[in-house]
Amino acid sequence: MTDQLLQIEGHEAPRKDPPRPPWIRIRLSADPKVEQTRALMRRLELNTVCEEAACPNLSECWSDRHATVMILGSVCTRACAFCNVATGVPEAVDPREPEHLASAVAELGLEHVVITSVDRDDLADGGAGQFAQSIRRIRVLAPATTIEVLTPDFRRKAEALAIVIDAAPDVFNHNLETVPRLYRRVRPGADYRHSLALLKRAKRLRPETFTKSGIMVGLGEDRDEIRRVMDDLRECEVDFLTVGQYLRPTSRHASVERYVPPGEFEEITDEAEERGFLVVSATPLTRSSYHAGKDFRRLQAARRLQSAPGTSLAPAGSS
């Protein structure tokens, strides 16, 4: 993976990060539910993005019996400069995985589950069928659980999105990750406009499904670029925006250009809400699935309010 990251055209060798500020604090927990959740995932042979991506919120989330399950194996076909997931030749798709995932959801008694995956450019459908089967098995074994999917971009997989949306997830999430200017350095192999089009088409295919996307800050973007990303997402009718501080997983990965202070996250939240997102989560430690269950209930409440007589949101792209 190291060689792949450093051989990306235009990718500079990572520099030393600035000192980590006091508002970036990783919360550790001795709650026995953390190890119980870990043991359950190992017993059912499931991967979690919490572990593979070295998420700073793992202890807090697992104490609350919330884990984001990563299907389709633990090896990705891409080498993004921000991501800690291993890159290489993926293993074969496990046909038992949807059943194991649904069993874990039922055993944990989850109200809300997030399903994500590595990129599987090697598969004809990009892994969309495994997402759909997982959703359908959870509906059988844990019918009260709401389901959020965080998918890859399915580039050059024309039918993949429809396969996932036809399985009727409650939330469809696909992250833009960063501003378009930084894609070549941070997210090689992806295309900003394609990702926007994916989100737009997801909403058109099933308007009742909430759509969601997020970016990291601290990679060298400026505030005007963040505002333009917000406008693009609202033009695609995206409901939920997440914004969090990029934290470098290892010295091999992209450098942190700056740590964004909490006050700026508050300003970003205000600007996003003015643009009409139903829900905004923007804090230094915000991640795609952080507090996902609570945020889903916020989405439901915001939609009810939006539908109330005499209520309207700001038009897309307003500021």
Protein backbone atom coordinates (compact mmCIF):
# COMPACT_ATOMS: atom_id res chain seq x y z
CA MET A 1 0.00 0.00 0.00
CA THR A 2 2.87 2.38 0.77
CA ASP A 3 4.26 2.17 -2.75
CA GLN A 4 0.84 2.68 -4.29
CA LEU A 5 0.23 5.81 -2.26
CA LEU A 6 3.58 7.38 -3.09
CA GLN A 7 3.45 6.49 -6.79
CA ILE A 8 0.14 8.27 -7.44
CA GLU A 9 0.84 10.87 -10.11
CA GLY A 10 1.08 14.29 -8.52
CA HIS A 11 1.08 12.87 -4.98
CA GLU A 12 3.80 14.44 -2.84
CA ALA A 13 5.50 12.58 -0.01
CA PRO A 14 3.51 13.27 3.19
CA ARG A 15 4.80 15.98 5.48
CA LYS A 16 4.80 16.11 9.25
CA ASP A 17 1.43 17.12 10.74
CA PRO A 18 1.03 20.23 12.88
CA PRO A 19 0.70 19.54 16.64
CA ARG A 20 -2.67 18.02 17.53
CA PRO A 21 -4.81 20.61 19.36
CA PRO A 22 -6.59 20.04 22.68
CA TRP A 23 -10.06 19.83 21.10
CA ILE A 24 -9.08 16.60 19.31
CA ARG A 25 -9.53 14.06 22.07
CA ILE A 26 -10.01 10.35 21.43
CA ARG A 27 -12.47 8.85 23.89
CA LEU A 28 -11.55 5.44 25.28
CA SER A 29 -13.95 3.25 27.19
CA ALA A 30 -13.56 0.28 29.53
CA ASP A 31 -17.22 -0.66 28.99
CA PRO A 32 -17.43 -4.47 28.61
CA LYS A 33 -19.83 -3.96 25.67
CA VAL A 34 -16.82 -2.87 23.59
CA GLU A 35 -15.17 -6.28 23.86
CA GLN A 36 -18.53 -8.04 23.58
CA THR A 37 -19.18 -6.29 20.28
CA ARG A 38 -15.67 -7.16 19.07
CA ALA A 39 -16.16 -10.81 20.02
CA LEU A 40 -19.50 -10.97 18.20
CA MET A 41 -17.97 -9.54 15.02
CA ARG A 42 -15.14 -12.09 15.13
CA ARG A 43 -17.52 -15.00 15.84
CA LEU A 44 -19.65 -14.08 12.82
CA GLU A 45 -16.58 -13.34 10.67
CA LEU A 46 -17.58 -9.73 10.04
CA ASN A 47 -15.36 -6.74 9.35
CA THR A 48 -16.06 -3.29 10.75
CA VAL A 49 -14.96 0.03 9.29
CA CYS A 50 -14.56 1.16 12.90
CA GLU A 51 -11.48 -1.08 13.17
CA GLU A 52 -10.22 -1.10 9.59
CA ALA A 53 -10.32 2.72 9.25
CA ALA A 54 -9.02 3.32 12.81
CA CYS A 55 -12.06 5.42 13.72
CA PRO A 56 -11.48 7.68 16.75
CA ASN A 57 -15.03 7.07 17.98
CA LEU A 58 -14.82 3.27 18.20
CA SER A 59 -15.00 2.98 22.00
CA GLU A 60 -17.89 5.41 22.34
CA CYS A 61 -19.92 3.82 19.56
CA TRP A 62 -19.31 0.22 20.60
CA SER A 63 -20.26 1.10 24.17
CA ASP A 64 -23.60 2.17 22.70
CA ARG A 65 -23.87 -1.10 20.74
CA HIS A 66 -23.35 0.67 17.42
CA ALA A 67 -20.89 -0.64 14.84
CA THR A 68 -20.56 0.07 11.14
CA VAL A 69 -20.16 -3.24 9.36
CA MET A 70 -17.92 -3.38 6.30
CA ILE A 71 -19.04 -6.01 3.81
CA LEU A 72 -17.24 -7.47 0.78
CA GLY A 73 -14.03 -8.19 2.66
CA SER A 74 -11.30 -6.03 4.15
CA VAL A 75 -9.15 -5.38 1.08
CA CYS A 76 -9.95 -2.46 -1.25
CA THR A 77 -9.18 -2.22 -4.97
CA ARG A 78 -8.26 1.48 -4.62
CA ALA A 79 -5.58 3.37 -2.69
CA CYS A 80 -7.02 6.65 -1.44
CA ALA A 81 -4.46 8.83 0.31
CA PHE A 82 -6.64 9.35 3.40
CA CYS A 83 -7.89 5.82 4.05
CA ASN A 84 -6.41 3.18 6.36
CA VAL A 85 -8.16 0.20 4.72
CA ALA A 86 -5.74 -2.24 3.09
CA THR A 87 -5.29 -2.10 -0.69
CA GLY A 88 -4.61 -5.06 -2.93
CA VAL A 89 -6.30 -8.07 -4.48
CA PRO A 90 -9.60 -8.69 -2.64
CA GLU A 91 -10.77 -12.03 -1.38
CA ALA A 92 -13.75 -13.86 -2.83
CA VAL A 93 -17.19 -12.59 -1.81
CA ASP A 94 -18.56 -14.59 1.14
CA PRO A 95 -22.12 -15.74 0.32
CA ARG A 96 -22.79 -16.23 4.06
CA GLU A 97 -22.04 -12.59 4.87
CA PRO A 98 -25.60 -11.18 4.54
CA GLU A 99 -26.91 -13.86 6.92
CA HIS A 100 -24.08 -13.25 9.40
CA LEU A 101 -24.66 -9.51 9.27
CA ALA A 102 -28.40 -9.85 9.84
CA SER A 103 -27.73 -12.22 12.76
CA ALA A 104 -25.38 -9.68 14.36
CA VAL A 105 -27.94 -6.89 13.97
CA ALA A 106 -30.61 -9.05 15.58
CA GLU A 107 -28.33 -10.23 18.40
CA LEU A 108 -27.21 -6.69 19.24
CA GLY A 109 -30.79 -5.44 19.08
CA LEU A 110 -29.80 -2.48 16.93
CA GLU A 111 -32.34 0.25 16.22
CA HIS A 112 -30.23 1.49 13.30
CA VAL A 113 -27.39 -0.14 11.37
CA VAL A 114 -24.85 1.27 8.91
CA ILE A 115 -23.50 -1.00 6.18
CA THR A 116 -20.46 0.09 4.19
CA SER A 117 -17.88 -1.68 2.02
CA VAL A 118 -14.50 -1.50 0.41
CA ASP A 119 -14.38 -0.57 -3.28
CA ARG A 120 -14.77 -3.69 -5.39
CA ASP A 121 -13.89 -2.57 -8.90
CA ASP A 122 -13.17 -6.23 -9.67
CA LEU A 123 -16.85 -7.23 -9.41
CA ALA A 124 -19.29 -6.80 -12.29
CA ASP A 125 -21.82 -5.06 -10.03
CA GLY A 126 -19.25 -3.41 -7.73
CA GLY A 127 -20.73 -5.41 -4.84
CA ALA A 128 -24.22 -3.92 -5.15
CA GLY A 129 -25.86 -7.34 -4.96
CA GLN A 130 -24.22 -8.03 -1.59
CA PHE A 131 -25.57 -4.72 -0.27
CA ALA A 132 -29.08 -5.63 -1.49
CA GLN A 133 -28.98 -9.14 0.00
CA SER A 134 -27.75 -7.74 3.32
CA ILE A 135 -30.59 -5.22 3.46
CA ARG A 136 -33.19 -7.90 2.69
CA ARG A 137 -31.87 -10.35 5.30
CA ILE A 138 -31.89 -7.67 7.98
CA ARG A 139 -35.51 -6.88 7.09
CA VAL A 140 -36.31 -10.54 7.82
CA LEU A 141 -34.29 -11.09 11.00
CA ALA A 142 -34.55 -7.57 12.48
CA PRO A 143 -37.61 -5.94 10.89
CA ALA A 144 -37.66 -2.99 13.32
CA THR A 145 -34.09 -1.95 12.49
CA THR A 146 -33.62 1.00 10.16
CA ILE A 147 -30.85 0.59 7.59
CA GLU A 148 -28.27 3.04 6.26
CA VAL A 149 -25.86 2.16 3.47
CA LEU A 150 -22.58 3.96 2.77
CA THR A 151 -21.58 2.81 -0.69
CA PRO A 152 -18.62 3.19 -3.04
CA ASP A 153 -19.10 5.24 -6.20
CA PHE A 154 -19.86 2.21 -8.46
CA ARG A 155 -17.92 3.80 -11.32
CA ARG A 156 -18.49 2.02 -14.64
CA LYS A 157 -21.15 -0.19 -13.00
CA ALA A 158 -24.25 1.20 -14.70
CA GLU A 159 -26.87 -0.95 -12.97
CA ALA A 160 -25.30 -1.10 -9.50
CA LEU A 161 -27.06 1.86 -7.91
CA ALA A 162 -30.53 0.64 -8.90
CA ILE A 163 -29.77 -2.77 -7.34
CA VAL A 164 -29.06 -1.11 -3.98
CA ILE A 165 -31.93 1.37 -4.11
CA ASP A 166 -34.43 -1.33 -5.11
CA ALA A 167 -33.68 -3.02 -1.76
CA ALA A 168 -35.08 0.14 -0.09
CA PRO A 169 -32.48 1.31 2.44
CA ASP A 170 -33.73 4.05 4.75
CA VAL A 171 -30.59 6.17 4.12
CA PHE A 172 -28.32 6.16 1.08
CA ASN A 173 -24.91 7.67 1.86
CA HIS A 174 -22.03 8.26 -0.50
CA ASN A 175 -19.23 10.56 0.62
CA LEU A 176 -17.60 13.17 -1.61
CA GLU A 177 -14.73 13.14 0.93
CA THR A 178 -13.08 16.40 -0.21
CA VAL A 179 -13.35 19.35 -2.59
CA PRO A 180 -12.86 18.69 -6.32
CA ARG A 181 -9.47 20.44 -6.53
CA LEU A 182 -7.97 17.87 -4.13
CA TYR A 183 -9.36 14.72 -5.77
CA ARG A 184 -6.23 13.88 -7.73
CA ARG A 185 -4.14 13.94 -4.56
CA VAL A 186 -6.63 12.63 -2.00
CA ARG A 187 -9.12 10.44 -3.86
CA PRO A 188 -7.42 9.08 -7.02
CA GLY A 189 -9.59 6.73 -9.03
CA ALA A 190 -12.75 8.66 -8.17
CA ASP A 191 -14.53 11.48 -9.99
CA TYR A 192 -16.29 14.34 -8.19
CA ARG A 193 -19.00 14.81 -10.82
CA HIS A 194 -19.71 11.11 -10.98
CA SER A 195 -20.21 11.01 -7.20
CA LEU A 196 -22.60 13.95 -7.37
CA ALA A 197 -24.54 12.25 -10.16
CA LEU A 198 -24.79 9.07 -8.07
CA LEU A 199 -26.39 10.98 -5.19
CA LYS A 200 -28.75 12.80 -7.53
CA ARG A 201 -29.87 9.59 -9.21
CA ALA A 202 -30.38 7.85 -5.86
CA LYS A 203 -32.87 10.55 -4.87
CA ARG A 204 -34.63 10.33 -8.23
CA LEU A 205 -34.91 6.54 -8.07
CA ARG A 206 -36.49 6.55 -4.61
CA PRO A 207 -37.40 10.02 -3.29
CA GLU A 208 -38.46 8.72 0.13
CA THR A 209 -34.95 7.44 0.86
CA PHE A 210 -32.85 10.01 2.71
CA THR A 211 -29.59 10.87 0.95
CA LYS A 212 -26.44 11.78 2.77
CA SER A 213 -22.87 12.80 2.00
CA GLY A 214 -19.82 14.10 3.83
CA ILE A 215 -16.43 15.68 3.50
CA MET A 216 -13.26 15.89 5.57
CA VAL A 217 -11.62 19.23 6.29
CA GLY A 218 -8.02 20.06 7.07
CA LEU A 219 -6.61 18.67 3.81
CA GLY A 220 -5.90 22.06 2.23
CA GLU A 221 -9.37 23.15 1.08
CA ASP A 222 -10.64 26.70 1.62
CA ARG A 223 -14.03 27.90 2.85
CA ASP A 224 -15.26 28.98 -0.58
CA GLU A 225 -14.57 25.47 -1.87
CA ILE A 226 -16.57 24.02 1.02
CA ARG A 227 -19.45 26.36 0.21
CA ARG A 228 -19.42 25.27 -3.43
CA VAL A 229 -19.54 21.61 -2.36
CA MET A 230 -22.58 22.41 -0.18
CA ASP A 231 -24.29 24.10 -3.13
CA ASP A 232 -23.55 21.13 -5.40
CA LEU A 233 -24.99 18.71 -2.85
CA ARG A 234 -28.16 20.74 -2.40
CA GLU A 235 -28.60 20.87 -6.17
CA CYS A 236 -28.64 17.06 -5.95
CA GLU A 237 -31.28 17.27 -3.17
CA VAL A 238 -29.00 15.69 -0.56
CA ASP A 239 -30.71 15.73 2.84
CA PHE A 240 -27.87 15.25 5.31
CA LEU A 241 -24.34 16.69 5.39
CA THR A 242 -21.47 15.52 7.61
CA VAL A 243 -18.22 17.45 8.01
CA GLY A 244 -15.33 16.22 10.17
CA GLN A 245 -11.65 16.86 10.76
CA TYR A 246 -9.30 14.69 8.72
CA LEU A 247 -7.00 12.70 11.01
CA ARG A 248 -4.00 11.04 9.42
CA PRO A 249 -4.11 7.27 10.02
CA THR A 250 -0.36 6.65 9.55
CA SER A 251 2.74 8.51 8.36
CA ARG A 252 2.20 6.96 4.90
CA HIS A 253 -1.06 8.83 4.37
CA ALA A 254 -1.91 12.38 3.30
CA SER A 255 -0.73 15.04 5.72
CA VAL A 256 -3.02 17.17 7.87
CA GLU A 257 -2.65 20.71 6.54
CA ARG A 258 -4.45 22.29 9.49
CA TYR A 259 -6.71 21.47 12.42
CA VAL A 260 -9.97 23.33 11.98
CA PRO A 261 -11.11 24.94 15.26
CA PRO A 262 -14.58 24.16 16.68
CA GLY A 263 -15.79 27.70 15.95
CA GLU A 264 -15.32 27.15 12.22
CA PHE A 265 -17.35 23.94 12.40
CA GLU A 266 -20.16 25.97 13.96
CA GLU A 267 -19.94 28.46 11.09
CA ILE A 268 -20.01 25.61 8.56
CA THR A 269 -23.10 24.20 10.31
CA ASP A 270 -24.89 27.56 10.07
CA GLU A 271 -24.03 27.94 6.38
CA ALA A 272 -25.18 24.39 5.61
CA GLU A 273 -28.48 24.86 7.45
CA GLU A 274 -29.08 28.08 5.54
CA ARG A 275 -28.77 26.09 2.33
CA GLY A 276 -31.58 23.77 3.35
CA PHE A 277 -30.00 20.50 4.50
CA LEU A 278 -32.45 18.68 6.75
CA VAL A 279 -29.67 17.67 9.15
CA VAL A 280 -26.07 18.82 9.50
CA SER A 281 -23.39 17.22 11.67
CA ALA A 282 -20.16 19.23 11.65
CA THR A 283 -17.67 18.80 14.50
CA PRO A 284 -13.99 17.83 14.68
CA LEU A 285 -14.81 14.17 15.42
CA THR A 286 -17.85 13.83 13.16
CA ARG A 287 -17.68 10.73 10.97
CA SER A 288 -20.20 9.33 8.49
CA SER A 289 -21.83 6.93 10.91
CA TYR A 290 -21.15 8.73 14.20
CA HIS A 291 -24.48 8.95 16.10
CA ALA A 292 -26.16 7.63 12.94
CA GLY A 293 -29.19 6.28 14.78
CA LYS A 294 -29.85 9.55 16.61
CA ASP A 295 -29.29 11.47 13.38
CA PHE A 296 -31.77 9.25 11.54
CA ARG A 297 -34.43 10.22 14.06
CA ARG A 298 -33.46 13.87 13.50
CA LEU A 299 -33.93 13.32 9.77
CA GLN A 300 -37.38 11.87 10.32
CA ALA A 301 -38.38 14.77 12.58
CA ALA A 302 -37.03 17.35 10.10
CA ARG A 303 -38.99 15.77 7.24
CA ARG A 304 -42.19 15.83 9.28
CA LEU A 305 -41.58 19.50 10.04
CA GLN A 306 -40.82 20.20 6.38
CA SER A 307 -44.12 18.57 5.41
CA ALA A 308 -46.14 20.57 7.90
CA PRO A 309 -48.45 23.19 6.39
CA GLY A 310 -46.82 26.61 5.97
CA THR A 311 -43.27 25.25 6.39
CA SER A 312 -40.57 25.52 3.75
CA LEU A 313 -36.81 25.08 3.65
CA ALA A 314 -34.33 27.44 2.07
CA PRO A 315 -33.97 26.78 -1.67
CA ALA A 316 -31.04 24.68 -2.81
CA GLY A 317 -27.90 26.77 -3.20
CA SER A 318 -29.11 29.74 -1.16
CA SER A 319 -26.66 31.37 1.21
